[in-house]
């Protein structure tokens, strides 16, 4: 509701943007594989976006889904979900499994481990913002790190 902010109209992958690149960033989100090449996360990375995590749980870095799409691992778990789209009725949407991950990992939640390993690599700026711990990092640095991590730790394609 911040004046000047816009929200894309994707039923499964909602993003909000503000500023001169917001329209370009949010336009034409692919209906299926909405975290793959051509997605908001793909453009965010291409536009040299930076991620600012403000007190976020360690397992909540949405950009990791883009890395999952790029990683050469197989098989990738996929899902098909039904959404109710206002004015259009029911819509089935397919993508990688963005709830349980693209594969099981014996050690548990790989989202958390990828972020912990990334933060331990000293590639992010870490500090306090108000009362919370914050991390700031470049998408173009994080995505290849996460892709390499996935390819090294999950079943290769």
N, C-alpha and C. Protein backbone atom coordinates (compact mmCIF):
# COMPACT_ATOMS: atom_id res chain seq x y z
N UNK A 1 0.81 -1.21 0.00
CA UNK A 1 0.00 0.00 0.00
C UNK A 1 0.85 1.26 0.00
N UNK A 2 2.19 1.10 0.01
CA UNK A 2 3.06 2.27 -0.03
C UNK A 2 2.84 2.99 -1.36
N UNK A 3 2.64 4.29 -1.34
CA UNK A 3 2.40 5.02 -2.59
C UNK A 3 3.51 4.78 -3.62
N UNK A 4 3.08 4.43 -4.85
CA UNK A 4 4.02 4.20 -5.93
C UNK A 4 4.50 2.76 -6.06
N UNK A 5 4.17 1.91 -5.10
CA UNK A 5 4.57 0.51 -5.20
C UNK A 5 3.58 -0.23 -6.09
N UNK A 6 4.08 -1.28 -6.76
CA UNK A 6 3.23 -2.09 -7.62
C UNK A 6 3.40 -3.56 -7.24
N UNK A 7 2.38 -4.35 -7.54
CA UNK A 7 2.39 -5.78 -7.26
C UNK A 7 2.06 -6.50 -8.55
N UNK A 8 2.82 -7.59 -8.83
CA UNK A 8 2.50 -8.36 -10.04
C UNK A 8 1.20 -9.12 -9.81
N UNK A 9 0.64 -9.65 -10.89
CA UNK A 9 -0.66 -10.32 -10.79
C UNK A 9 -0.56 -11.84 -10.82
N UNK A 10 0.59 -12.39 -10.50
CA UNK A 10 0.76 -13.84 -10.54
C UNK A 10 0.04 -14.49 -9.36
N UNK A 11 -0.78 -15.52 -9.58
CA UNK A 11 -1.52 -16.13 -8.48
C UNK A 11 -0.65 -16.93 -7.50
N UNK A 12 0.54 -17.36 -7.91
CA UNK A 12 1.37 -18.20 -7.04
C UNK A 12 2.66 -17.51 -6.60
N UNK A 13 3.14 -16.56 -7.36
CA UNK A 13 4.43 -15.92 -7.07
C UNK A 13 4.25 -14.40 -7.05
N UNK A 14 3.72 -13.92 -5.93
CA UNK A 14 3.43 -12.49 -5.80
C UNK A 14 4.67 -11.74 -5.34
N UNK A 15 4.99 -10.69 -6.06
CA UNK A 15 6.10 -9.82 -5.71
C UNK A 15 5.64 -8.38 -5.78
N UNK A 16 6.25 -7.55 -4.96
CA UNK A 16 5.96 -6.13 -4.93
C UNK A 16 7.24 -5.39 -5.30
N UNK A 17 7.11 -4.30 -6.01
CA UNK A 17 8.26 -3.50 -6.38
C UNK A 17 8.00 -2.03 -6.23
N UNK A 18 9.09 -1.29 -6.08
CA UNK A 18 9.01 0.16 -5.95
C UNK A 18 10.23 0.75 -6.63
N UNK A 19 10.04 1.80 -7.39
CA UNK A 19 11.17 2.46 -8.01
C UNK A 19 11.14 2.38 -9.52
N UNK A 20 12.18 2.93 -10.17
CA UNK A 20 12.18 3.06 -11.63
C UNK A 20 12.19 1.73 -12.39
N UNK A 21 12.65 0.63 -11.79
CA UNK A 21 12.69 -0.65 -12.49
C UNK A 21 11.54 -1.59 -12.10
N UNK A 22 10.63 -1.11 -11.26
CA UNK A 22 9.57 -1.99 -10.74
C UNK A 22 8.72 -2.58 -11.86
N UNK A 23 8.28 -1.75 -12.81
CA UNK A 23 7.45 -2.26 -13.91
C UNK A 23 8.20 -3.32 -14.71
N UNK A 24 9.44 -3.03 -15.07
CA UNK A 24 10.25 -3.96 -15.85
C UNK A 24 10.50 -5.26 -15.09
N UNK A 25 10.73 -5.14 -13.81
CA UNK A 25 11.01 -6.30 -12.96
C UNK A 25 9.81 -7.23 -12.86
N UNK A 26 8.61 -6.67 -12.73
CA UNK A 26 7.42 -7.46 -12.42
C UNK A 26 6.59 -7.86 -13.63
N UNK A 27 6.89 -7.33 -14.80
CA UNK A 27 6.04 -7.62 -15.96
C UNK A 27 6.22 -9.05 -16.47
N UNK A 28 5.17 -9.56 -17.06
CA UNK A 28 5.20 -10.84 -17.77
C UNK A 28 5.83 -11.99 -16.99
N UNK A 29 5.42 -12.17 -15.77
CA UNK A 29 5.90 -13.33 -15.00
C UNK A 29 5.38 -14.59 -15.65
N UNK A 30 6.24 -15.58 -15.89
CA UNK A 30 5.74 -16.83 -16.48
C UNK A 30 4.75 -17.51 -15.53
N UNK A 31 3.68 -18.03 -16.09
CA UNK A 31 2.67 -18.69 -15.26
C UNK A 31 3.24 -19.96 -14.65
N UNK A 32 3.89 -20.79 -15.45
CA UNK A 32 4.51 -22.03 -14.98
C UNK A 32 6.01 -21.75 -14.77
N UNK A 33 6.62 -22.54 -13.89
CA UNK A 33 8.04 -22.35 -13.59
C UNK A 33 8.34 -20.88 -13.29
N UNK A 34 7.58 -20.35 -12.37
CA UNK A 34 7.59 -18.92 -12.06
C UNK A 34 8.82 -18.46 -11.27
N UNK A 35 9.77 -19.37 -11.01
CA UNK A 35 11.06 -18.98 -10.41
C UNK A 35 12.22 -19.27 -11.37
N UNK A 36 11.93 -19.61 -12.61
CA UNK A 36 12.96 -20.01 -13.57
C UNK A 36 13.46 -18.79 -14.36
N UNK A 37 14.28 -19.06 -15.37
CA UNK A 37 14.77 -18.00 -16.26
C UNK A 37 13.56 -17.27 -16.83
N UNK A 38 13.62 -15.94 -16.83
CA UNK A 38 12.52 -15.12 -17.30
C UNK A 38 11.58 -14.68 -16.20
N UNK A 39 11.80 -15.18 -15.00
CA UNK A 39 10.94 -14.85 -13.85
C UNK A 39 11.37 -13.55 -13.19
N UNK A 40 10.59 -13.12 -12.22
CA UNK A 40 10.95 -11.94 -11.43
C UNK A 40 12.32 -12.14 -10.78
N UNK A 41 12.58 -13.32 -10.22
CA UNK A 41 13.87 -13.57 -9.58
C UNK A 41 15.02 -13.56 -10.58
N UNK A 42 14.77 -14.04 -11.77
CA UNK A 42 15.77 -14.02 -12.84
C UNK A 42 16.10 -12.57 -13.21
N UNK A 43 15.07 -11.75 -13.43
CA UNK A 43 15.30 -10.34 -13.77
C UNK A 43 15.95 -9.60 -12.61
N UNK A 44 15.53 -9.90 -11.38
CA UNK A 44 16.12 -9.28 -10.20
C UNK A 44 17.63 -9.51 -10.18
N UNK A 45 18.02 -10.73 -10.50
CA UNK A 45 19.45 -11.07 -10.55
C UNK A 45 20.12 -10.34 -11.71
N UNK A 46 19.51 -10.35 -12.88
CA UNK A 46 20.06 -9.66 -14.05
C UNK A 46 20.21 -8.16 -13.83
N UNK A 47 19.30 -7.57 -13.05
CA UNK A 47 19.32 -6.13 -12.77
C UNK A 47 20.26 -5.77 -11.62
N UNK A 48 21.12 -6.73 -11.22
CA UNK A 48 22.06 -6.49 -10.11
C UNK A 48 21.36 -6.19 -8.80
N UNK A 49 20.25 -6.90 -8.55
CA UNK A 49 19.50 -6.72 -7.32
C UNK A 49 20.30 -7.14 -6.10
N UNK A 50 19.96 -6.56 -4.99
CA UNK A 50 20.60 -6.90 -3.71
C UNK A 50 19.50 -7.35 -2.76
N UNK A 51 19.80 -8.37 -1.99
CA UNK A 51 18.86 -8.91 -1.01
C UNK A 51 19.20 -8.33 0.35
N UNK A 52 18.20 -7.79 1.02
CA UNK A 52 18.34 -7.32 2.39
C UNK A 52 17.43 -8.17 3.26
N UNK A 53 18.04 -8.98 4.10
CA UNK A 53 17.29 -9.83 5.02
C UNK A 53 17.31 -9.14 6.39
N UNK A 54 16.14 -8.79 6.87
CA UNK A 54 16.02 -8.08 8.15
C UNK A 54 15.41 -9.02 9.19
N UNK A 55 16.25 -9.66 9.98
CA UNK A 55 15.76 -10.54 11.03
C UNK A 55 15.01 -11.76 10.52
N UNK A 56 15.25 -12.13 9.27
CA UNK A 56 14.52 -13.24 8.65
C UNK A 56 15.03 -14.58 9.14
N UNK A 57 14.13 -15.56 9.18
CA UNK A 57 14.54 -16.93 9.50
C UNK A 57 15.56 -17.39 8.46
N UNK A 58 16.48 -18.22 8.88
CA UNK A 58 17.58 -18.66 8.02
C UNK A 58 17.11 -19.46 6.81
N UNK A 59 15.90 -20.01 6.87
CA UNK A 59 15.41 -20.86 5.77
C UNK A 59 14.48 -20.10 4.81
N UNK A 60 14.54 -18.77 4.80
CA UNK A 60 13.56 -18.01 4.02
C UNK A 60 14.20 -17.07 3.01
N UNK A 61 15.04 -17.58 2.16
CA UNK A 61 15.63 -16.76 1.10
C UNK A 61 15.02 -17.21 -0.23
N UNK A 62 14.00 -16.52 -0.67
CA UNK A 62 13.24 -16.89 -1.87
C UNK A 62 14.14 -17.01 -3.10
N UNK A 63 15.20 -16.22 -3.17
CA UNK A 63 16.10 -16.26 -4.32
C UNK A 63 16.70 -17.65 -4.53
N UNK A 64 16.73 -18.46 -3.49
CA UNK A 64 17.25 -19.83 -3.60
C UNK A 64 16.42 -20.65 -4.60
N UNK A 65 15.14 -20.32 -4.77
CA UNK A 65 14.31 -21.04 -5.75
C UNK A 65 14.82 -20.83 -7.17
N UNK A 66 15.35 -19.65 -7.46
CA UNK A 66 15.93 -19.42 -8.79
C UNK A 66 17.14 -20.33 -8.98
N UNK A 67 17.98 -20.44 -7.96
CA UNK A 67 19.14 -21.34 -8.03
C UNK A 67 18.70 -22.79 -8.22
N UNK A 68 17.62 -23.19 -7.55
CA UNK A 68 17.11 -24.56 -7.73
C UNK A 68 16.75 -24.81 -9.19
N UNK A 69 16.16 -23.83 -9.84
CA UNK A 69 15.81 -23.99 -11.25
C UNK A 69 17.03 -24.11 -12.14
N UNK A 70 18.10 -23.40 -11.81
CA UNK A 70 19.31 -23.41 -12.64
C UNK A 70 20.20 -24.62 -12.39
N UNK A 71 20.14 -25.18 -11.19
CA UNK A 71 21.05 -26.26 -10.81
C UNK A 71 20.85 -27.51 -11.68
N UNK A 72 21.96 -28.12 -12.06
CA UNK A 72 21.95 -29.36 -12.83
C UNK A 72 21.87 -30.53 -11.86
N UNK A 73 20.68 -30.75 -11.34
CA UNK A 73 20.40 -31.89 -10.46
C UNK A 73 19.13 -32.58 -10.97
N UNK A 74 19.07 -33.87 -10.79
CA UNK A 74 17.90 -34.62 -11.26
C UNK A 74 17.69 -35.84 -10.38
N UNK A 75 16.48 -36.27 -10.23
CA UNK A 75 15.28 -35.60 -10.71
C UNK A 75 14.91 -34.45 -9.78
N UNK A 76 14.24 -33.46 -10.34
CA UNK A 76 13.73 -32.35 -9.54
C UNK A 76 12.25 -32.62 -9.23
N UNK A 77 11.95 -32.54 -7.95
CA UNK A 77 10.55 -32.71 -7.54
C UNK A 77 9.75 -31.52 -8.08
N UNK A 78 8.62 -31.83 -8.69
CA UNK A 78 7.73 -30.81 -9.25
C UNK A 78 6.35 -30.95 -8.64
N UNK A 79 5.61 -29.87 -8.68
CA UNK A 79 4.24 -29.88 -8.16
C UNK A 79 3.31 -29.24 -9.18
N UNK A 80 2.05 -29.57 -9.03
CA UNK A 80 0.99 -28.98 -9.84
C UNK A 80 -0.10 -28.58 -8.86
N UNK A 81 -0.42 -27.29 -8.81
CA UNK A 81 -1.41 -26.79 -7.85
C UNK A 81 -2.49 -26.00 -8.56
N UNK A 82 -3.67 -26.06 -7.96
CA UNK A 82 -4.82 -25.34 -8.51
C UNK A 82 -5.00 -24.02 -7.74
N UNK A 83 -5.15 -22.94 -8.50
CA UNK A 83 -5.39 -21.62 -7.93
C UNK A 83 -6.71 -21.09 -8.48
N UNK A 84 -7.35 -20.29 -7.69
CA UNK A 84 -8.56 -19.60 -8.13
C UNK A 84 -8.16 -18.18 -8.50
N UNK A 85 -8.28 -17.86 -9.79
CA UNK A 85 -7.86 -16.56 -10.31
C UNK A 85 -9.10 -15.71 -10.53
N UNK A 86 -9.13 -14.57 -9.89
CA UNK A 86 -10.28 -13.67 -9.99
C UNK A 86 -10.57 -13.35 -11.45
N UNK A 87 -11.80 -13.57 -11.86
CA UNK A 87 -12.22 -13.28 -13.22
C UNK A 87 -11.88 -14.35 -14.23
N UNK A 88 -11.07 -15.35 -13.83
CA UNK A 88 -10.68 -16.40 -14.78
C UNK A 88 -11.02 -17.79 -14.29
N UNK A 89 -11.43 -17.95 -13.06
CA UNK A 89 -11.76 -19.26 -12.52
C UNK A 89 -10.53 -20.03 -12.07
N UNK A 90 -10.59 -21.34 -12.18
CA UNK A 90 -9.50 -22.20 -11.73
C UNK A 90 -8.35 -22.21 -12.73
N UNK A 91 -7.14 -22.23 -12.20
CA UNK A 91 -5.95 -22.27 -13.03
C UNK A 91 -4.95 -23.25 -12.42
N UNK A 92 -4.52 -24.25 -13.19
CA UNK A 92 -3.49 -25.18 -12.73
C UNK A 92 -2.13 -24.61 -13.09
N UNK A 93 -1.22 -24.63 -12.11
CA UNK A 93 0.12 -24.06 -12.30
C UNK A 93 1.14 -25.11 -11.89
N UNK A 94 2.18 -25.29 -12.71
CA UNK A 94 3.23 -26.28 -12.45
C UNK A 94 4.56 -25.58 -12.25
N UNK A 95 5.35 -26.11 -11.32
CA UNK A 95 6.69 -25.59 -11.08
C UNK A 95 7.47 -26.58 -10.21
N UNK A 96 8.73 -26.21 -9.91
CA UNK A 96 9.47 -27.03 -8.96
C UNK A 96 8.73 -26.97 -7.62
N UNK A 97 9.00 -27.91 -6.76
CA UNK A 97 8.34 -27.93 -5.45
C UNK A 97 8.97 -26.85 -4.57
N UNK A 98 8.27 -25.74 -4.42
CA UNK A 98 8.79 -24.62 -3.64
C UNK A 98 8.38 -24.69 -2.17
N UNK A 99 7.82 -25.82 -1.76
CA UNK A 99 7.50 -26.03 -0.34
C UNK A 99 8.44 -27.04 0.31
N UNK A 100 8.75 -28.12 -0.41
CA UNK A 100 9.55 -29.21 0.16
C UNK A 100 10.93 -29.36 -0.48
N UNK A 101 11.23 -28.53 -1.48
CA UNK A 101 12.52 -28.60 -2.15
C UNK A 101 12.50 -29.49 -3.37
N UNK A 102 13.54 -29.36 -4.19
CA UNK A 102 13.59 -30.12 -5.44
C UNK A 102 14.02 -31.56 -5.22
N UNK A 103 14.67 -31.84 -4.10
CA UNK A 103 15.05 -33.20 -3.72
C UNK A 103 15.13 -33.26 -2.20
N UNK A 104 15.03 -34.47 -1.67
CA UNK A 104 15.31 -34.66 -0.25
C UNK A 104 16.81 -34.59 -0.04
N UNK A 105 17.22 -34.05 1.10
CA UNK A 105 18.62 -33.98 1.47
C UNK A 105 18.74 -34.65 2.83
N UNK A 106 19.63 -35.61 2.96
CA UNK A 106 19.73 -36.43 4.17
C UNK A 106 19.90 -35.60 5.45
N UNK A 107 20.52 -34.44 5.34
CA UNK A 107 20.76 -33.62 6.53
C UNK A 107 19.59 -32.69 6.86
N UNK A 108 18.51 -32.73 6.10
CA UNK A 108 17.34 -31.93 6.43
C UNK A 108 17.09 -30.78 5.48
N UNK A 109 16.97 -29.59 6.03
CA UNK A 109 16.58 -28.40 5.28
C UNK A 109 17.79 -27.78 4.59
N UNK A 110 17.90 -27.98 3.28
CA UNK A 110 19.07 -27.44 2.59
C UNK A 110 18.99 -25.93 2.40
N UNK A 111 17.79 -25.34 2.41
CA UNK A 111 17.70 -23.87 2.31
C UNK A 111 18.49 -23.22 3.43
N UNK A 112 18.29 -23.70 4.64
CA UNK A 112 19.01 -23.15 5.80
C UNK A 112 20.51 -23.34 5.64
N UNK A 113 20.92 -24.53 5.21
CA UNK A 113 22.35 -24.82 5.10
C UNK A 113 23.02 -23.97 4.03
N UNK A 114 22.34 -23.77 2.91
CA UNK A 114 22.91 -22.91 1.86
C UNK A 114 23.14 -21.51 2.41
N UNK A 115 22.16 -20.96 3.10
CA UNK A 115 22.32 -19.60 3.62
C UNK A 115 23.39 -19.54 4.71
N UNK A 116 23.44 -20.53 5.59
CA UNK A 116 24.48 -20.54 6.63
C UNK A 116 25.87 -20.61 5.99
N UNK A 117 26.04 -21.48 4.98
CA UNK A 117 27.33 -21.59 4.30
C UNK A 117 27.68 -20.29 3.58
N UNK A 118 26.69 -19.67 2.96
CA UNK A 118 26.94 -18.41 2.27
C UNK A 118 27.37 -17.32 3.26
N UNK A 119 26.67 -17.21 4.37
CA UNK A 119 27.02 -16.19 5.36
C UNK A 119 28.40 -16.45 5.97
N UNK A 120 28.75 -17.72 6.14
CA UNK A 120 30.07 -18.07 6.68
C UNK A 120 31.19 -17.78 5.68
N UNK A 121 30.86 -17.60 4.41
CA UNK A 121 31.87 -17.33 3.39
C UNK A 121 32.31 -15.86 3.37
N UNK A 122 31.72 -15.06 4.22
CA UNK A 122 32.05 -13.62 4.32
C UNK A 122 31.76 -12.87 3.03
N UNK A 123 30.74 -13.29 2.29
CA UNK A 123 30.38 -12.62 1.04
C UNK A 123 29.23 -11.64 1.23
N UNK A 124 28.63 -11.63 2.42
CA UNK A 124 27.51 -10.74 2.71
C UNK A 124 27.95 -9.70 3.74
N UNK A 125 27.31 -8.55 3.70
CA UNK A 125 27.49 -7.55 4.74
C UNK A 125 26.50 -7.89 5.85
N UNK A 126 27.00 -8.05 7.06
CA UNK A 126 26.17 -8.46 8.19
C UNK A 126 26.27 -7.40 9.28
N UNK A 127 25.14 -7.03 9.83
CA UNK A 127 25.13 -6.04 10.91
C UNK A 127 23.74 -5.89 11.49
N UNK A 128 23.60 -4.95 12.37
CA UNK A 128 22.32 -4.70 13.02
C UNK A 128 21.60 -3.57 12.30
N UNK A 129 20.31 -3.74 12.13
CA UNK A 129 19.41 -2.69 11.66
C UNK A 129 18.31 -2.63 12.69
N UNK A 130 18.28 -1.56 13.45
CA UNK A 130 17.33 -1.49 14.55
C UNK A 130 17.63 -2.59 15.55
N UNK A 131 16.62 -3.37 15.87
CA UNK A 131 16.77 -4.46 16.84
C UNK A 131 17.00 -5.82 16.20
N UNK A 132 17.27 -5.86 14.91
CA UNK A 132 17.42 -7.17 14.27
C UNK A 132 18.78 -7.32 13.60
N UNK A 133 19.17 -8.57 13.43
CA UNK A 133 20.36 -8.92 12.67
C UNK A 133 19.98 -8.84 11.19
N UNK A 134 20.84 -8.25 10.38
CA UNK A 134 20.54 -8.08 8.96
C UNK A 134 21.70 -8.56 8.11
N UNK A 135 21.37 -9.02 6.92
CA UNK A 135 22.37 -9.42 5.93
C UNK A 135 22.02 -8.75 4.61
N UNK A 136 23.02 -8.23 3.93
CA UNK A 136 22.86 -7.60 2.63
C UNK A 136 23.84 -8.25 1.66
N UNK A 137 23.33 -8.73 0.52
CA UNK A 137 24.21 -9.39 -0.44
C UNK A 137 23.67 -9.25 -1.86
N UNK A 138 24.57 -9.43 -2.82
CA UNK A 138 24.24 -9.33 -4.24
C UNK A 138 23.63 -10.63 -4.75
N UNK A 139 22.53 -10.50 -5.48
CA UNK A 139 21.90 -11.68 -6.09
C UNK A 139 22.86 -12.37 -7.05
N UNK A 140 23.63 -11.59 -7.81
CA UNK A 140 24.55 -12.18 -8.80
C UNK A 140 25.69 -12.96 -8.14
N UNK A 141 25.92 -12.74 -6.87
CA UNK A 141 26.92 -13.51 -6.14
C UNK A 141 26.28 -14.72 -5.47
N UNK A 142 25.09 -14.52 -4.91
CA UNK A 142 24.43 -15.60 -4.18
C UNK A 142 23.96 -16.73 -5.10
N UNK A 143 23.36 -16.39 -6.23
CA UNK A 143 22.77 -17.43 -7.10
C UNK A 143 23.81 -18.46 -7.55
N UNK A 144 24.97 -18.06 -8.10
CA UNK A 144 25.95 -19.09 -8.49
C UNK A 144 26.47 -19.88 -7.29
N UNK A 145 26.60 -19.23 -6.14
CA UNK A 145 27.01 -19.94 -4.93
C UNK A 145 26.00 -21.04 -4.60
N UNK A 146 24.71 -20.68 -4.63
CA UNK A 146 23.66 -21.65 -4.30
C UNK A 146 23.57 -22.76 -5.35
N UNK A 147 23.74 -22.41 -6.63
CA UNK A 147 23.73 -23.43 -7.70
C UNK A 147 24.85 -24.43 -7.46
N UNK A 148 26.05 -23.93 -7.19
CA UNK A 148 27.20 -24.82 -6.95
C UNK A 148 26.94 -25.69 -5.73
N UNK A 149 26.37 -25.11 -4.67
CA UNK A 149 26.07 -25.87 -3.46
C UNK A 149 25.09 -27.01 -3.79
N UNK A 150 24.02 -26.68 -4.51
CA UNK A 150 23.02 -27.69 -4.86
C UNK A 150 23.63 -28.80 -5.70
N UNK A 151 24.43 -28.42 -6.70
CA UNK A 151 25.05 -29.44 -7.56
C UNK A 151 26.05 -30.29 -6.83
N UNK A 152 26.65 -29.77 -5.79
CA UNK A 152 27.63 -30.54 -5.00
C UNK A 152 26.98 -31.43 -3.95
N UNK A 153 25.76 -31.11 -3.54
CA UNK A 153 25.14 -31.80 -2.42
C UNK A 153 23.89 -32.61 -2.75
N UNK A 154 23.32 -32.39 -3.94
CA UNK A 154 22.14 -33.15 -4.35
C UNK A 154 22.54 -34.03 -5.53
N UNK A 155 21.63 -34.90 -5.97
CA UNK A 155 21.92 -35.83 -7.05
C UNK A 155 22.07 -35.10 -8.37
N UNK A 156 23.22 -35.24 -9.02
CA UNK A 156 23.48 -34.54 -10.29
C UNK A 156 22.66 -35.15 -11.42
N UNK A 157 22.28 -34.27 -12.37
CA UNK A 157 21.51 -34.69 -13.53
C UNK A 157 22.35 -35.31 -14.59
